[in-house]
Amino acid sequence: MNGEKYIIHCPRCGIVEASVYDNIDDSSEVPGEGDIELEEEVWETTHGPESRIRCPRCGAWLASDLAHPED
């Protein structure tokens, strides 16, 4: 869902809120000023591809299971 809020449990920063925005051309769902966008990448590891998220505060790459949708 575009603009969906997530809670990240960063070991360094504690609880951080961020939003996910699709790359769909929809002007009604663009990040507003002050919104923090959640960045995600897939990394190749010795155990295969793993999804990682980036903490928007400290920039550390974290396991994707440290983020969950806001209730």
PDB file of N, CA and C in Angstrom:
ATOM      1  N   MET A   1       0.855  -1.183   0.000  1.00  0.00           N
ATOM      2  CA  MET A   1       0.000   0.000   0.000  1.00  0.00           C
ATOM      3  C   MET A   1       0.896   1.239   0.000  1.00  0.00           C
ATOM      4  N   ASN A   2       0.557   2.178  -0.782  1.00  0.00           N
ATOM      5  CA  ASN A   2       1.332   3.399  -0.911  1.00  0.00           C
ATOM      6  C   ASN A   2       1.149   4.267   0.328  1.00  0.00           C
ATOM      7  N   GLY A   3       2.255   4.697   0.930  1.00  0.00           N
ATOM      8  CA  GLY A   3       2.194   5.541   2.111  1.00  0.00           C
ATOM      9  C   GLY A   3       1.973   4.770   3.399  1.00  0.00           C
ATOM     10  N   GLU A   4       2.108   3.448   3.359  1.00  0.00           N
ATOM     11  CA  GLU A   4       1.910   2.629   4.548  1.00  0.00           C
ATOM     12  C   GLU A   4       3.005   2.914   5.569  1.00  0.00           C
ATOM     13  N   LYS A   5       2.622   3.081   6.828  1.00  0.00           N
ATOM     14  CA  LYS A   5       3.555   3.384   7.909  1.00  0.00           C
ATOM     15  C   LYS A   5       4.139   2.091   8.483  1.00  0.00           C
ATOM     16  N   TYR A   6       5.438   2.130   8.802  1.00  0.00           N
ATOM     17  CA  TYR A   6       6.137   1.007   9.411  1.00  0.00           C
ATOM     18  C   TYR A   6       6.869   1.467  10.663  1.00  0.00           C
ATOM     19  N   ILE A   7       7.040   0.537  11.595  1.00  0.00           N
ATOM     20  CA  ILE A   7       7.832   0.751  12.796  1.00  0.00           C
ATOM     21  C   ILE A   7       9.097  -0.088  12.640  1.00  0.00           C
ATOM     22  N   ILE A   8      10.245   0.547  12.808  1.00  0.00           N
ATOM     23  CA  ILE A   8      11.539  -0.133  12.713  1.00  0.00           C
ATOM     24  C   ILE A   8      12.137  -0.202  14.116  1.00  0.00           C
ATOM     25  N   HIS A   9      12.639  -1.366  14.480  1.00  0.00           N
ATOM     26  CA  HIS A   9      13.288  -1.546  15.774  1.00  0.00           C
ATOM     27  C   HIS A   9      14.797  -1.600  15.543  1.00  0.00           C
ATOM     28  N   CYS A  10      15.417  -0.423  15.460  1.00  0.00           N
ATOM     29  CA  CYS A  10      16.855  -0.325  15.202  1.00  0.00           C
ATOM     30  C   CYS A  10      17.618  -0.544  16.509  1.00  0.00           C
ATOM     31  N   PRO A  11      18.639  -1.417  16.510  1.00  0.00           N
ATOM     32  CA  PRO A  11      19.419  -1.651  17.712  1.00  0.00           C
ATOM     33  C   PRO A  11      20.149  -0.389  18.200  1.00  0.00           C
ATOM     34  N   ARG A  12      20.470   0.524  17.302  1.00  0.00           N
ATOM     35  CA  ARG A  12      21.191   1.756  17.675  1.00  0.00           C
ATOM     36  C   ARG A  12      20.254   2.890  18.064  1.00  0.00           C
ATOM     37  N   CYS A  13      19.159   3.054  17.316  1.00  0.00           N
ATOM     38  CA  CYS A  13      18.292   4.226  17.460  1.00  0.00           C
ATOM     39  C   CYS A  13      17.022   3.966  18.254  1.00  0.00           C
ATOM     40  N   GLY A  14      16.677   2.713  18.448  1.00  0.00           N
ATOM     41  CA  GLY A  14      15.413   2.395  19.098  1.00  0.00           C
ATOM     42  C   GLY A  14      14.299   2.327  18.071  1.00  0.00           C
ATOM     43  N   ILE A  15      13.128   2.796  18.440  1.00  0.00           N
ATOM     44  CA  ILE A  15      11.970   2.737  17.544  1.00  0.00           C
ATOM     45  C   ILE A  15      11.965   3.939  16.610  1.00  0.00           C
ATOM     46  N   VAL A  16      11.862   3.648  15.306  1.00  0.00           N
ATOM     47  CA  VAL A  16      11.851   4.676  14.260  1.00  0.00           C
ATOM     48  C   VAL A  16      10.637   4.426  13.378  1.00  0.00           C
ATOM     49  N   GLU A  17       9.904   5.487  13.030  1.00  0.00           N
ATOM     50  CA  GLU A  17       8.764   5.373  12.129  1.00  0.00           C
ATOM     51  C   GLU A  17       9.184   5.769  10.720  1.00  0.00           C
ATOM     52  N   ALA A  18       8.674   5.040   9.728  1.00  0.00           N
ATOM     53  CA  ALA A  18       8.965   5.339   8.324  1.00  0.00           C
ATOM     54  C   ALA A  18       7.760   4.922   7.483  1.00  0.00           C
ATOM     55  N   SER A  19       7.720   5.385   6.246  1.00  0.00           N
ATOM     56  CA  SER A  19       6.632   5.069   5.326  1.00  0.00           C
ATOM     57  C   SER A  19       7.189   4.425   4.074  1.00  0.00           C
ATOM     58  N   VAL A  20       6.364   3.610   3.419  1.00  0.00           N
ATOM     59  CA  VAL A  20       6.727   2.981   2.156  1.00  0.00           C
ATOM     60  C   VAL A  20       5.898   3.639   1.062  1.00  0.00           C
ATOM     61  N   TYR A  21       6.564   4.090   0.013  1.00  0.00           N
ATOM     62  CA  TYR A  21       5.897   4.710  -1.135  1.00  0.00           C
ATOM     63  C   TYR A  21       6.269   3.946  -2.384  1.00  0.00           C
ATOM     64  N   ASP A  22       5.272   3.554  -3.159  1.00  0.00           N
ATOM     65  CA  ASP A  22       5.516   2.883  -4.440  1.00  0.00           C
ATOM     66  C   ASP A  22       6.011   3.912  -5.443  1.00  0.00           C
ATOM     67  N   ASN A  23       6.613   3.431  -6.503  1.00  0.00           N
ATOM     68  CA  ASN A  23       7.074   4.312  -7.575  1.00  0.00           C
ATOM     69  C   ASN A  23       5.984   4.538  -8.611  1.00  0.00           C
ATOM     70  N   ILE A  24       4.747   4.501  -8.183  1.00  0.00           N
ATOM     71  CA  ILE A  24       3.610   4.705  -9.082  1.00  0.00           C
ATOM     72  C   ILE A  24       3.374   6.206  -9.209  1.00  0.00           C
ATOM     73  N   ASP A  25       3.049   6.650 -10.398  1.00  0.00           N
ATOM     74  CA  ASP A  25       2.795   8.067 -10.629  1.00  0.00           C
ATOM     75  C   ASP A  25       1.409   8.427 -10.093  1.00  0.00           C
ATOM     76  N   ASP A  26       1.333   8.698  -8.802  1.00  0.00           N
ATOM     77  CA  ASP A  26       0.083   9.047  -8.140  1.00  0.00           C
ATOM     78  C   ASP A  26       0.352  10.234  -7.227  1.00  0.00           C
ATOM     79  N   SER A  27      -0.017  11.409  -7.672  1.00  0.00           N
ATOM     80  CA  SER A  27       0.315  12.629  -6.935  1.00  0.00           C
ATOM     81  C   SER A  27      -0.400  12.711  -5.591  1.00  0.00           C
ATOM     82  N   SER A  28      -1.416  11.901  -5.353  1.00  0.00           N
ATOM     83  CA  SER A  28      -2.106  11.937  -4.072  1.00  0.00           C
ATOM     84  C   SER A  28      -1.324  11.212  -2.978  1.00  0.00           C
ATOM     85  N   GLU A  29      -0.351  10.394  -3.354  1.00  0.00           N
ATOM     86  CA  GLU A  29       0.422   9.625  -2.389  1.00  0.00           C
ATOM     87  C   GLU A  29       1.907   9.869  -2.565  1.00  0.00           C
ATOM     88  N   VAL A  30       2.344  11.085  -2.361  1.00  0.00           N
ATOM     89  CA  VAL A  30       3.769  11.396  -2.417  1.00  0.00           C
ATOM     90  C   VAL A  30       4.229  11.742  -1.023  1.00  0.00           C
ATOM     91  N   PRO A  31       5.484  11.458  -0.702  1.00  0.00           N
ATOM     92  CA  PRO A  31       5.970  11.790   0.632  1.00  0.00           C
ATOM     93  C   PRO A  31       5.835  13.279   0.915  1.00  0.00           C
ATOM     94  N   GLY A  32       5.303  13.587   2.060  1.00  0.00           N
ATOM     95  CA  GLY A  32       5.202  14.979   2.470  1.00  0.00           C
ATOM     96  C   GLY A  32       6.471  15.421   3.176  1.00  0.00           C
ATOM     97  N   GLU A  33       6.570  16.701   3.415  1.00  0.00           N
ATOM     98  CA  GLU A  33       7.729  17.211   4.121  1.00  0.00           C
ATOM     99  C   GLU A  33       7.737  16.621   5.526  1.00  0.00           C
ATOM    100  N   GLY A  34       8.860  16.107   5.957  1.00  0.00           N
ATOM    101  CA  GLY A  34       8.969  15.480   7.260  1.00  0.00           C
ATOM    102  C   GLY A  34       8.718  13.983   7.246  1.00  0.00           C
ATOM    103  N   ASP A  35       8.161  13.442   6.156  1.00  0.00           N
ATOM    104  CA  ASP A  35       7.969  11.997   6.050  1.00  0.00           C
ATOM    105  C   ASP A  35       9.320  11.323   5.821  1.00  0.00           C
ATOM    106  N   ILE A  36       9.514  10.198   6.465  1.00  0.00           N
ATOM    107  CA  ILE A  36      10.741   9.419   6.290  1.00  0.00           C
ATOM    108  C   ILE A  36      10.390   8.185   5.484  1.00  0.00           C
ATOM    109  N   GLU A  37      11.081   7.995   4.364  1.00  0.00           N
ATOM    110  CA  GLU A  37      10.789   6.860   3.487  1.00  0.00           C
ATOM    111  C   GLU A  37      11.663   5.668   3.859  1.00  0.00           C
ATOM    112  N   LEU A  38      11.048   4.505   3.911  1.00  0.00           N
ATOM    113  CA  LEU A  38      11.744   3.268   4.227  1.00  0.00           C
ATOM    114  C   LEU A  38      12.429   2.743   2.974  1.00  0.00           C
ATOM    115  N   GLU A  39      13.730   2.517   3.071  1.00  0.00           N
ATOM    116  CA  GLU A  39      14.522   2.019   1.942  1.00  0.00           C
ATOM    117  C   GLU A  39      14.789   0.530   2.142  1.00  0.00           C
ATOM    118  N   GLU A  40      14.608  -0.258   1.077  1.00  0.00           N
ATOM    119  CA  GLU A  40      14.800  -1.701   1.150  1.00  0.00           C
ATOM    120  C   GLU A  40      15.618  -2.168  -0.048  1.00  0.00           C
ATOM    121  N   GLU A  41      16.522  -3.104   0.185  1.00  0.00           N
ATOM    122  CA  GLU A  41      17.335  -3.703  -0.888  1.00  0.00           C
ATOM    123  C   GLU A  41      17.485  -5.186  -0.625  1.00  0.00           C
ATOM    124  N   VAL A  42      17.746  -5.923  -1.685  1.00  0.00           N
ATOM    125  CA  VAL A  42      18.029  -7.353  -1.569  1.00  0.00           C
ATOM    126  C   VAL A  42      19.533  -7.528  -1.728  1.00  0.00           C
ATOM    127  N   TRP A  43      20.150  -8.189  -0.762  1.00  0.00           N
ATOM    128  CA  TRP A  43      21.592  -8.413  -0.756  1.00  0.00           C
ATOM    129  C   TRP A  43      21.873  -9.882  -1.016  1.00  0.00           C
ATOM    130  N   GLU A  44      22.912 -10.149  -1.785  1.00  0.00           N
ATOM    131  CA  GLU A  44      23.372 -11.520  -2.009  1.00  0.00           C
ATOM    132  C   GLU A  44      24.307 -11.892  -0.864  1.00  0.00           C
ATOM    133  N   THR A  45      23.973 -12.991  -0.174  1.00  0.00           N
ATOM    134  CA  THR A  45      24.809 -13.481   0.917  1.00  0.00           C
ATOM    135  C   THR A  45      25.230 -14.907   0.603  1.00  0.00           C
ATOM    136  N   THR A  46      26.041 -15.492   1.463  1.00  0.00           N
ATOM    137  CA  THR A  46      26.463 -16.870   1.261  1.00  0.00           C
ATOM    138  C   THR A  46      25.289 -17.840   1.398  1.00  0.00           C
ATOM    139  N   HIS A  47      24.211 -17.397   2.041  1.00  0.00           N
ATOM    140  CA  HIS A  47      23.014 -18.224   2.217  1.00  0.00           C
ATOM    141  C   HIS A  47      21.932 -17.901   1.195  1.00  0.00           C
ATOM    142  N   GLY A  48      22.249 -17.058   0.219  1.00  0.00           N
ATOM    143  CA  GLY A  48      21.270 -16.672  -0.794  1.00  0.00           C
ATOM    144  C   GLY A  48      20.832 -15.224  -0.602  1.00  0.00           C
ATOM    145  N   PRO A  49      19.880 -14.762  -1.401  1.00  0.00           N
ATOM    146  CA  PRO A  49      19.438 -13.368  -1.305  1.00  0.00           C
ATOM    147  C   PRO A  49      18.674 -13.113   0.002  1.00  0.00           C
ATOM    148  N   GLU A  50      18.969 -11.966   0.627  1.00  0.00           N
ATOM    149  CA  GLU A  50      18.292 -11.559   1.855  1.00  0.00           C
ATOM    150  C   GLU A  50      17.841 -10.115   1.722  1.00  0.00           C
ATOM    151  N   SER A  51      16.628  -9.845   2.168  1.00  0.00           N
ATOM    152  CA  SER A  51      16.087  -8.497   2.137  1.00  0.00           C
ATOM    153  C   SER A  51      16.590  -7.726   3.356  1.00  0.00           C
ATOM    154  N   ARG A  52      17.036  -6.503   3.127  1.00  0.00           N
ATOM    155  CA  ARG A  52      17.516  -5.627   4.198  1.00  0.00           C
ATOM    156  C   ARG A  52      16.797  -4.289   4.111  1.00  0.00           C
ATOM    157  N   ILE A  53      16.621  -3.653   5.257  1.00  0.00           N
ATOM    158  CA  ILE A  53      16.062  -2.306   5.304  1.00  0.00           C
ATOM    159  C   ILE A  53      17.111  -1.372   5.879  1.00  0.00           C
ATOM    160  N   ARG A  54      16.990  -0.098   5.542  1.00  0.00           N
ATOM    161  CA  ARG A  54      17.955   0.882   6.036  1.00  0.00           C
ATOM    162  C   ARG A  54      17.282   1.746   7.094  1.00  0.00           C
ATOM    163  N   CYS A  55      17.933   1.882   8.250  1.00  0.00           N
ATOM    164  CA  CYS A  55      17.412   2.752   9.293  1.00  0.00           C
ATOM    165  C   CYS A  55      17.508   4.194   8.796  1.00  0.00           C
ATOM    166  N   PRO A  56      16.391   4.920   8.776  1.00  0.00           N
ATOM    167  CA  PRO A  56      16.427   6.291   8.263  1.00  0.00           C
ATOM    168  C   PRO A  56      17.172   7.266   9.177  1.00  0.00           C
ATOM    169  N   ARG A  57      17.432   6.887  10.420  1.00  0.00           N
ATOM    170  CA  ARG A  57      18.167   7.780  11.333  1.00  0.00           C
ATOM    171  C   ARG A  57      19.672   7.598  11.237  1.00  0.00           C
ATOM    172  N   CYS A  58      20.152   6.358  11.417  1.00  0.00           N
ATOM    173  CA  CYS A  58      21.605   6.135  11.472  1.00  0.00           C
ATOM    174  C   CYS A  58      22.176   5.590  10.175  1.00  0.00           C
ATOM    175  N   GLY A  59      21.321   5.086   9.262  1.00  0.00           N
ATOM    176  CA  GLY A  59      21.785   4.581   7.977  1.00  0.00           C
ATOM    177  C   GLY A  59      22.246   3.141   7.995  1.00  0.00           C
ATOM    178  N   ALA A  60      22.144   2.456   9.142  1.00  0.00           N
ATOM    179  CA  ALA A  60      22.572   1.059   9.226  1.00  0.00           C
ATOM    180  C   ALA A  60      21.608   0.164   8.458  1.00  0.00           C
ATOM    181  N   TRP A  61      22.154  -0.857   7.789  1.00  0.00           N
ATOM    182  CA  TRP A  61      21.331  -1.852   7.102  1.00  0.00           C
ATOM    183  C   TRP A  61      20.959  -2.914   8.115  1.00  0.00           C
ATOM    184  N   LEU A  62      19.662  -3.209   8.207  1.00  0.00           N
ATOM    185  CA  LEU A  62      19.123  -4.115   9.208  1.00  0.00           C
ATOM    186  C   LEU A  62      18.350  -5.251   8.555  1.00  0.00           C
ATOM    187  N   ALA A  63      18.179  -6.331   9.289  1.00  0.00           N
ATOM    188  CA  ALA A  63      17.348  -7.437   8.821  1.00  0.00           C
ATOM    189  C   ALA A  63      15.924  -6.925   8.647  1.00  0.00           C
ATOM    190  N   SER A  64      15.252  -7.349   7.595  1.00  0.00           N
ATOM    191  CA  SER A  64      13.916  -6.844   7.288  1.00  0.00           C
ATOM    192  C   SER A  64      12.886  -7.236   8.350  1.00  0.00           C
ATOM    193  N   ASP A  65      13.171  -8.259   9.166  1.00  0.00           N
ATOM    194  CA  ASP A  65      12.210  -8.642  10.201  1.00  0.00           C
ATOM    195  C   ASP A  65      12.188  -7.665  11.377  1.00  0.00           C
ATOM    196  N   LEU A  66      13.049  -6.638  11.343  1.00  0.00           N
ATOM    197  CA  LEU A  66      13.037  -5.607  12.382  1.00  0.00           C
ATOM    198  C   LEU A  66      12.045  -4.491  12.080  1.00  0.00           C
ATOM    199  N   ALA A  67      11.330  -4.610  10.959  1.00  0.00           N
ATOM    200  CA  ALA A  67      10.293  -3.631  10.600  1.00  0.00           C
ATOM    201  C   ALA A  67       8.948  -4.345  10.483  1.00  0.00           C
ATOM    202  N   HIS A  68       7.904  -3.677  10.972  1.00  0.00           N
ATOM    203  CA  HIS A  68       6.562  -4.227  10.824  1.00  0.00           C
ATOM    204  C   HIS A  68       5.572  -3.090  10.631  1.00  0.00           C
ATOM    205  N   PRO A  69       4.452  -3.366   9.975  1.00  0.00           N
ATOM    206  CA  PRO A  69       3.452  -2.314   9.733  1.00  0.00           C
ATOM    207  C   PRO A  69       2.946  -1.730  11.043  1.00  0.00           C
ATOM    208  N   GLU A  70       2.708  -0.439  11.031  1.00  0.00           N
ATOM    209  CA  GLU A  70       2.141   0.226  12.199  1.00  0.00           C
ATOM    210  C   GLU A  70       0.702  -0.237  12.375  1.00  0.00           C
ATOM    211  N   ASP A  71       0.308  -0.513  13.609  1.00  0.00           N
ATOM    212  CA  ASP A  71      -1.058  -0.995  13.889  1.00  0.00           C
ATOM    213  C   ASP A  71      -2.090   0.051  13.614  1.00  0.00           C
TER     214      ASP A  71
END
